[in-house]
Amino acid sequence: MLKELDEMSIGQKLYEYECKACGFEKGIPEFLIDEFRQDLIFGAVATLEEEFIPKLVCPNCRSKFEYKKTDNR
């Protein structure tokens, strides 16, 4: 699955995520983050202008896979 994600990520803006438990890092393409945001916003009292950074699960160890705040965003 990670290979397919790499192929779909070509040319996309990436959001850097990291797992503090096992150290795994991966850039998640913007189109996936937008899909997760839509799922979070749907049915909730929120506007599209609000910034939602979804919390994911590490594909290696199933711990929290968190957005790594960087200056390039």
C-alpha atoms as a PDB file:
ATOM      1  CA  MET A   1       0.000   0.000   0.000  1.00  0.00           C
ATOM      2  CA  LEU A   2       2.855   2.424   0.713  1.00  0.00           C
ATOM      3  CA  LYS A   3       4.194   1.899  -2.819  1.00  0.00           C
ATOM      4  CA  GLU A   4       0.824   2.902  -4.290  1.00  0.00           C
ATOM      5  CA  LEU A   5       0.736   5.940  -1.999  1.00  0.00           C
ATOM      6  CA  ASP A   6       4.178   6.967  -3.263  1.00  0.00           C
ATOM      7  CA  GLU A   7       2.974   6.679  -6.870  1.00  0.00           C
ATOM      8  CA  MET A   8      -0.169   8.741  -6.181  1.00  0.00           C
ATOM      9  CA  SER A   9       1.928  11.364  -4.357  1.00  0.00           C
ATOM     10  CA  ILE A  10       4.023  12.357  -7.385  1.00  0.00           C
ATOM     11  CA  GLY A  11       3.605  16.088  -7.922  1.00  0.00           C
ATOM     12  CA  GLN A  12       1.351  16.516  -4.895  1.00  0.00           C
ATOM     13  CA  LYS A  13       1.858  18.794  -1.903  1.00  0.00           C
ATOM     14  CA  LEU A  14       2.802  16.572   1.049  1.00  0.00           C
ATOM     15  CA  TYR A  15       1.983  16.854   4.737  1.00  0.00           C
ATOM     16  CA  GLU A  16       4.789  15.329   6.781  1.00  0.00           C
ATOM     17  CA  TYR A  17       3.625  12.841   9.430  1.00  0.00           C
ATOM     18  CA  GLU A  18       5.671  10.984  12.044  1.00  0.00           C
ATOM     19  CA  CYS A  19       5.237   8.246  14.614  1.00  0.00           C
ATOM     20  CA  LYS A  20       6.914   9.059  17.900  1.00  0.00           C
ATOM     21  CA  ALA A  21       6.708   5.417  18.995  1.00  0.00           C
ATOM     22  CA  CYS A  22       8.699   3.800  16.160  1.00  0.00           C
ATOM     23  CA  GLY A  23      10.149   6.814  14.329  1.00  0.00           C
ATOM     24  CA  PHE A  24       8.421   6.128  10.980  1.00  0.00           C
ATOM     25  CA  GLU A  25       7.964   9.246   8.842  1.00  0.00           C
ATOM     26  CA  LYS A  26       5.927   9.654   5.668  1.00  0.00           C
ATOM     27  CA  GLY A  27       4.619  12.474   3.504  1.00  0.00           C
ATOM     28  CA  ILE A  28       0.857  12.203   3.079  1.00  0.00           C
ATOM     29  CA  PRO A  29      -0.468  13.792  -0.147  1.00  0.00           C
ATOM     30  CA  GLU A  30      -2.790  16.768   0.107  1.00  0.00           C
ATOM     31  CA  PHE A  31      -5.675  15.014  -1.673  1.00  0.00           C
ATOM     32  CA  LEU A  32      -5.829  12.388   1.110  1.00  0.00           C
ATOM     33  CA  ILE A  33      -5.712  15.029   3.840  1.00  0.00           C
ATOM     34  CA  ASP A  34      -8.567  16.864   2.078  1.00  0.00           C
ATOM     35  CA  GLU A  35     -10.606  13.642   2.004  1.00  0.00           C
ATOM     36  CA  PHE A  36     -10.019  13.085   5.720  1.00  0.00           C
ATOM     37  CA  ARG A  37     -10.997  16.707   6.412  1.00  0.00           C
ATOM     38  CA  GLN A  38     -14.234  16.292   4.488  1.00  0.00           C
ATOM     39  CA  ASP A  39     -15.058  13.220   6.568  1.00  0.00           C
ATOM     40  CA  LEU A  40     -14.381  15.169   9.773  1.00  0.00           C
ATOM     41  CA  ILE A  41     -16.396  18.200   8.674  1.00  0.00           C
ATOM     42  CA  PHE A  42     -19.384  16.308   7.281  1.00  0.00           C
ATOM     43  CA  GLY A  43     -22.213  16.642   9.748  1.00  0.00           C
ATOM     44  CA  ALA A  44     -20.153  18.723  12.171  1.00  0.00           C
ATOM     45  CA  VAL A  45     -20.624  22.366  13.007  1.00  0.00           C
ATOM     46  CA  ALA A  46     -17.546  23.723  11.278  1.00  0.00           C
ATOM     47  CA  THR A  47     -16.663  25.828   8.300  1.00  0.00           C
ATOM     48  CA  LEU A  48     -14.393  24.799   5.468  1.00  0.00           C
ATOM     49  CA  GLU A  49     -12.038  27.644   6.369  1.00  0.00           C
ATOM     50  CA  GLU A  50     -11.137  26.015   9.685  1.00  0.00           C
ATOM     51  CA  GLU A  51      -7.849  24.099   9.631  1.00  0.00           C
ATOM     52  CA  PHE A  52      -8.242  20.410  10.482  1.00  0.00           C
ATOM     53  CA  ILE A  53      -5.185  18.202  10.543  1.00  0.00           C
ATOM     54  CA  PRO A  54      -6.416  14.618  10.870  1.00  0.00           C
ATOM     55  CA  LYS A  55      -4.823  12.186  13.296  1.00  0.00           C
ATOM     56  CA  LEU A  56      -3.785   8.968  11.591  1.00  0.00           C
ATOM     57  CA  VAL A  57      -2.520   5.527  12.651  1.00  0.00           C
ATOM     58  CA  CYS A  58       1.083   4.511  11.974  1.00  0.00           C
ATOM     59  CA  PRO A  59       1.209   1.802   9.293  1.00  0.00           C
ATOM     60  CA  ASN A  60       4.175   0.159  11.088  1.00  0.00           C
ATOM     61  CA  CYS A  61       3.178  -0.056  14.743  1.00  0.00           C
ATOM     62  CA  ARG A  62      -0.442   1.194  14.874  1.00  0.00           C
ATOM     63  CA  SER A  63       0.460   4.055  17.268  1.00  0.00           C
ATOM     64  CA  LYS A  64      -0.473   7.692  16.688  1.00  0.00           C
ATOM     65  CA  PHE A  65       0.773   9.001  13.345  1.00  0.00           C
ATOM     66  CA  GLU A  66       0.843  12.759  13.883  1.00  0.00           C
ATOM     67  CA  TYR A  67       1.312  15.764  11.655  1.00  0.00           C
ATOM     68  CA  LYS A  68       4.882  17.039  11.890  1.00  0.00           C
ATOM     69  CA  LYS A  69       4.677  20.818  11.893  1.00  0.00           C
ATOM     70  CA  THR A  70       7.232  22.209   9.452  1.00  0.00           C
ATOM     71  CA  ASP A  71       8.048  25.604   7.998  1.00  0.00           C
ATOM     72  CA  ASN A  72       7.331  24.521   4.421  1.00  0.00           C
ATOM     73  CA  ARG A  73       3.567  24.422   4.860  1.00  0.00           C
END
